[in-house]
Amino acid sequence: MRYLQNRSLIPLFLLVAGVLFSPGRISAQSHSYVPKEGFVPNEKTAIRIAEAVLGPIYGEDQIAKERPFAATLKGGVWTIEGH
């Protein structure tokens, strides 16, 4: 259970974010608008997306136990960690 609380949220979020925001996916769509600051412009937005995506998977109670979250951006990829 400790692994679930500390580590399993990160790879799942990265997978979901990679699929949703991959450059190939964006360029293949008929709309080409890309926000100036990117689709996930800051830590607060990255955390909110992670909570929205992972809440239905792990349950809101588990997500609440992981707070506070920390988000770091490295190489264009946000990593979200719970505590």
N, C-alpha and C. Protein backbone atom coordinates (compact mmCIF):
# COMPACT_ATOMS: atom_id res chain seq x y z
N MET A 1 0.82 -1.19 0.00
CA MET A 1 0.00 0.00 0.00
C MET A 1 0.87 1.25 0.00
N ARG A 2 2.04 1.18 0.62
CA ARG A 2 2.93 2.34 0.65
C ARG A 2 3.34 2.73 -0.76
N TYR A 3 3.56 1.73 -1.63
CA TYR A 3 3.91 2.02 -3.02
C TYR A 3 2.78 2.78 -3.70
N LEU A 4 1.56 2.36 -3.48
CA LEU A 4 0.41 3.02 -4.07
C LEU A 4 0.36 4.48 -3.64
N GLN A 5 0.64 4.75 -2.39
CA GLN A 5 0.55 6.11 -1.89
C GLN A 5 1.66 6.99 -2.43
N ASN A 6 2.84 6.46 -2.65
CA ASN A 6 3.97 7.31 -2.97
C ASN A 6 4.40 7.30 -4.43
N ARG A 7 4.19 6.22 -5.14
CA ARG A 7 4.81 6.12 -6.46
C ARG A 7 3.86 5.84 -7.62
N SER A 8 2.79 5.12 -7.43
CA SER A 8 2.02 4.66 -8.58
C SER A 8 1.26 5.78 -9.28
N LEU A 9 1.05 6.90 -8.65
CA LEU A 9 0.36 8.00 -9.31
C LEU A 9 1.23 8.65 -10.39
N ILE A 10 2.52 8.66 -10.18
CA ILE A 10 3.43 9.36 -11.08
C ILE A 10 3.47 8.73 -12.47
N PRO A 11 3.76 7.43 -12.60
CA PRO A 11 3.83 6.86 -13.96
C PRO A 11 2.49 6.94 -14.70
N LEU A 12 1.40 6.76 -13.98
CA LEU A 12 0.09 6.80 -14.62
C LEU A 12 -0.19 8.20 -15.14
N PHE A 13 0.11 9.22 -14.34
CA PHE A 13 -0.11 10.59 -14.79
C PHE A 13 0.76 10.91 -16.00
N LEU A 14 2.02 10.49 -15.96
CA LEU A 14 2.91 10.77 -17.08
C LEU A 14 2.41 10.11 -18.36
N LEU A 15 1.89 8.90 -18.24
CA LEU A 15 1.35 8.20 -19.40
C LEU A 15 0.15 8.96 -19.96
N VAL A 16 -0.78 9.33 -19.10
CA VAL A 16 -1.97 10.05 -19.55
C VAL A 16 -1.58 11.40 -20.16
N ALA A 17 -0.69 12.13 -19.50
CA ALA A 17 -0.26 13.44 -20.01
C ALA A 17 0.46 13.29 -21.34
N GLY A 18 1.27 12.26 -21.47
CA GLY A 18 2.00 12.04 -22.71
C GLY A 18 1.07 11.77 -23.88
N VAL A 19 0.02 11.01 -23.63
CA VAL A 19 -0.93 10.71 -24.69
C VAL A 19 -1.76 11.94 -25.05
N LEU A 20 -2.23 12.65 -24.03
CA LEU A 20 -3.09 13.80 -24.27
C LEU A 20 -2.37 14.98 -24.90
N PHE A 21 -1.11 15.20 -24.52
CA PHE A 21 -0.43 16.41 -24.93
C PHE A 21 0.77 16.17 -25.84
N SER A 22 0.83 15.01 -26.47
CA SER A 22 1.97 14.73 -27.35
C SER A 22 1.90 15.62 -28.59
N PRO A 23 3.05 16.10 -29.07
CA PRO A 23 3.07 16.98 -30.24
C PRO A 23 2.43 16.37 -31.48
N GLY A 24 2.60 15.08 -31.69
CA GLY A 24 2.01 14.44 -32.85
C GLY A 24 0.50 14.49 -32.82
N ARG A 25 -0.05 14.33 -31.64
CA ARG A 25 -1.50 14.36 -31.49
C ARG A 25 -2.04 15.76 -31.80
N ILE A 26 -1.35 16.76 -31.34
CA ILE A 26 -1.80 18.14 -31.55
C ILE A 26 -1.74 18.50 -33.03
N SER A 27 -0.63 18.19 -33.70
CA SER A 27 -0.47 18.58 -35.09
C SER A 27 -1.40 17.80 -36.02
N ALA A 28 -1.87 16.63 -35.61
CA ALA A 28 -2.74 15.84 -36.46
C ALA A 28 -4.18 16.34 -36.42
N GLN A 29 -4.52 17.15 -35.44
CA GLN A 29 -5.87 17.67 -35.33
C GLN A 29 -6.07 18.84 -36.28
N SER A 30 -7.33 19.12 -36.58
CA SER A 30 -7.63 20.22 -37.49
C SER A 30 -7.39 21.58 -36.84
N HIS A 31 -7.43 21.67 -35.53
CA HIS A 31 -7.18 22.92 -34.82
C HIS A 31 -5.70 22.99 -34.48
N SER A 32 -5.11 24.15 -34.68
CA SER A 32 -3.67 24.26 -34.44
C SER A 32 -3.32 25.23 -33.33
N TYR A 33 -4.30 25.68 -32.56
CA TYR A 33 -4.01 26.63 -31.50
C TYR A 33 -3.23 25.97 -30.37
N VAL A 34 -2.12 26.56 -30.01
CA VAL A 34 -1.34 26.13 -28.86
C VAL A 34 -1.14 27.37 -27.98
N PRO A 35 -1.59 27.31 -26.73
CA PRO A 35 -1.44 28.47 -25.85
C PRO A 35 0.02 28.91 -25.74
N LYS A 36 0.22 30.20 -25.59
CA LYS A 36 1.57 30.77 -25.53
C LYS A 36 2.41 30.12 -24.43
N GLU A 37 1.81 29.86 -23.28
CA GLU A 37 2.54 29.27 -22.15
C GLU A 37 2.43 27.75 -22.12
N GLY A 38 1.83 27.14 -23.13
CA GLY A 38 1.66 25.69 -23.17
C GLY A 38 0.32 25.28 -22.58
N PHE A 39 -0.03 24.04 -22.77
CA PHE A 39 -1.31 23.54 -22.26
C PHE A 39 -1.30 23.37 -20.74
N VAL A 40 -0.14 23.11 -20.19
CA VAL A 40 0.01 23.00 -18.74
C VAL A 40 1.07 24.03 -18.34
N PRO A 41 0.65 25.27 -18.11
CA PRO A 41 1.61 26.36 -17.96
C PRO A 41 2.31 26.47 -16.60
N ASN A 42 1.76 25.81 -15.57
CA ASN A 42 2.35 25.99 -14.24
C ASN A 42 2.05 24.81 -13.33
N GLU A 43 2.68 24.84 -12.15
CA GLU A 43 2.54 23.76 -11.17
C GLU A 43 1.09 23.56 -10.73
N LYS A 44 0.40 24.64 -10.47
CA LYS A 44 -1.00 24.55 -10.01
C LYS A 44 -1.87 23.81 -11.03
N THR A 45 -1.71 24.15 -12.30
CA THR A 45 -2.49 23.51 -13.35
C THR A 45 -2.13 22.03 -13.47
N ALA A 46 -0.85 21.70 -13.39
CA ALA A 46 -0.41 20.30 -13.47
C ALA A 46 -1.03 19.47 -12.36
N ILE A 47 -1.05 20.01 -11.16
CA ILE A 47 -1.64 19.29 -10.02
C ILE A 47 -3.14 19.12 -10.19
N ARG A 48 -3.81 20.15 -10.65
CA ARG A 48 -5.26 20.06 -10.85
C ARG A 48 -5.61 19.01 -11.90
N ILE A 49 -4.82 18.93 -12.96
CA ILE A 49 -5.06 17.92 -13.99
C ILE A 49 -4.84 16.52 -13.42
N ALA A 50 -3.75 16.36 -12.67
CA ALA A 50 -3.47 15.05 -12.06
C ALA A 50 -4.60 14.61 -11.14
N GLU A 51 -5.10 15.52 -10.33
CA GLU A 51 -6.20 15.18 -9.43
C GLU A 51 -7.46 14.81 -10.20
N ALA A 52 -7.75 15.54 -11.27
CA ALA A 52 -8.95 15.25 -12.06
C ALA A 52 -8.85 13.91 -12.76
N VAL A 53 -7.66 13.58 -13.25
CA VAL A 53 -7.48 12.31 -13.98
C VAL A 53 -7.43 11.13 -13.02
N LEU A 54 -6.74 11.29 -11.90
CA LEU A 54 -6.51 10.16 -11.01
C LEU A 54 -7.61 9.95 -9.97
N GLY A 55 -8.42 10.97 -9.71
CA GLY A 55 -9.52 10.85 -8.74
C GLY A 55 -10.45 9.68 -9.04
N PRO A 56 -10.96 9.58 -10.25
CA PRO A 56 -11.85 8.46 -10.57
C PRO A 56 -11.16 7.09 -10.54
N ILE A 57 -9.86 7.07 -10.71
CA ILE A 57 -9.12 5.81 -10.73
C ILE A 57 -8.84 5.32 -9.31
N TYR A 58 -8.28 6.18 -8.47
CA TYR A 58 -7.87 5.80 -7.12
C TYR A 58 -8.89 6.16 -6.06
N GLY A 59 -9.82 7.01 -6.39
CA GLY A 59 -10.82 7.45 -5.42
C GLY A 59 -10.38 8.75 -4.74
N GLU A 60 -11.35 9.58 -4.45
CA GLU A 60 -11.06 10.88 -3.87
C GLU A 60 -10.41 10.76 -2.48
N ASP A 61 -10.77 9.73 -1.74
CA ASP A 61 -10.17 9.55 -0.41
C ASP A 61 -8.66 9.32 -0.51
N GLN A 62 -8.25 8.48 -1.44
CA GLN A 62 -6.82 8.20 -1.63
C GLN A 62 -6.09 9.46 -2.10
N ILE A 63 -6.70 10.20 -3.01
CA ILE A 63 -6.08 11.44 -3.49
C ILE A 63 -5.91 12.42 -2.34
N ALA A 64 -6.90 12.53 -1.47
CA ALA A 64 -6.82 13.44 -0.32
C ALA A 64 -5.68 13.03 0.61
N LYS A 65 -5.44 11.73 0.77
CA LYS A 65 -4.35 11.26 1.63
C LYS A 65 -2.98 11.63 1.06
N GLU A 66 -2.89 11.80 -0.25
CA GLU A 66 -1.62 12.10 -0.90
C GLU A 66 -1.23 13.59 -0.79
N ARG A 67 -2.17 14.45 -0.48
CA ARG A 67 -1.90 15.90 -0.41
C ARG A 67 -0.96 16.22 0.73
N PRO A 68 -0.16 17.24 0.60
CA PRO A 68 -0.05 18.16 -0.52
C PRO A 68 0.79 17.56 -1.64
N PHE A 69 0.49 17.95 -2.86
CA PHE A 69 1.22 17.50 -4.02
C PHE A 69 2.32 18.49 -4.36
N ALA A 70 3.36 17.98 -4.99
CA ALA A 70 4.43 18.82 -5.52
C ALA A 70 4.57 18.49 -6.99
N ALA A 71 4.76 19.49 -7.81
CA ALA A 71 4.91 19.28 -9.24
C ALA A 71 6.23 19.89 -9.70
N THR A 72 6.95 19.13 -10.53
CA THR A 72 8.20 19.64 -11.09
C THR A 72 8.17 19.44 -12.60
N LEU A 73 8.75 20.38 -13.31
CA LEU A 73 8.82 20.32 -14.76
C LEU A 73 10.25 20.05 -15.18
N LYS A 74 10.45 18.98 -15.93
CA LYS A 74 11.79 18.63 -16.42
C LYS A 74 11.66 18.09 -17.83
N GLY A 75 12.34 18.71 -18.75
CA GLY A 75 12.31 18.26 -20.14
C GLY A 75 10.94 18.32 -20.76
N GLY A 76 10.13 19.27 -20.33
CA GLY A 76 8.78 19.42 -20.88
C GLY A 76 7.75 18.45 -20.31
N VAL A 77 8.12 17.70 -19.27
CA VAL A 77 7.22 16.73 -18.66
C VAL A 77 7.01 17.08 -17.19
N TRP A 78 5.75 17.20 -16.80
CA TRP A 78 5.43 17.47 -15.40
C TRP A 78 5.43 16.15 -14.62
N THR A 79 6.04 16.15 -13.46
CA THR A 79 6.02 15.01 -12.54
C THR A 79 5.30 15.47 -11.28
N ILE A 80 4.29 14.72 -10.88
CA ILE A 80 3.50 15.04 -9.71
C ILE A 80 3.78 14.01 -8.64
N GLU A 81 4.12 14.49 -7.43
CA GLU A 81 4.39 13.57 -6.33
C GLU A 81 3.50 13.92 -5.14
N GLY A 82 2.96 12.87 -4.52
CA GLY A 82 2.18 13.03 -3.32
C GLY A 82 3.04 12.80 -2.09
N HIS A 83 2.52 13.19 -0.96
CA HIS A 83 3.29 13.07 0.29
C HIS A 83 2.63 12.12 1.25
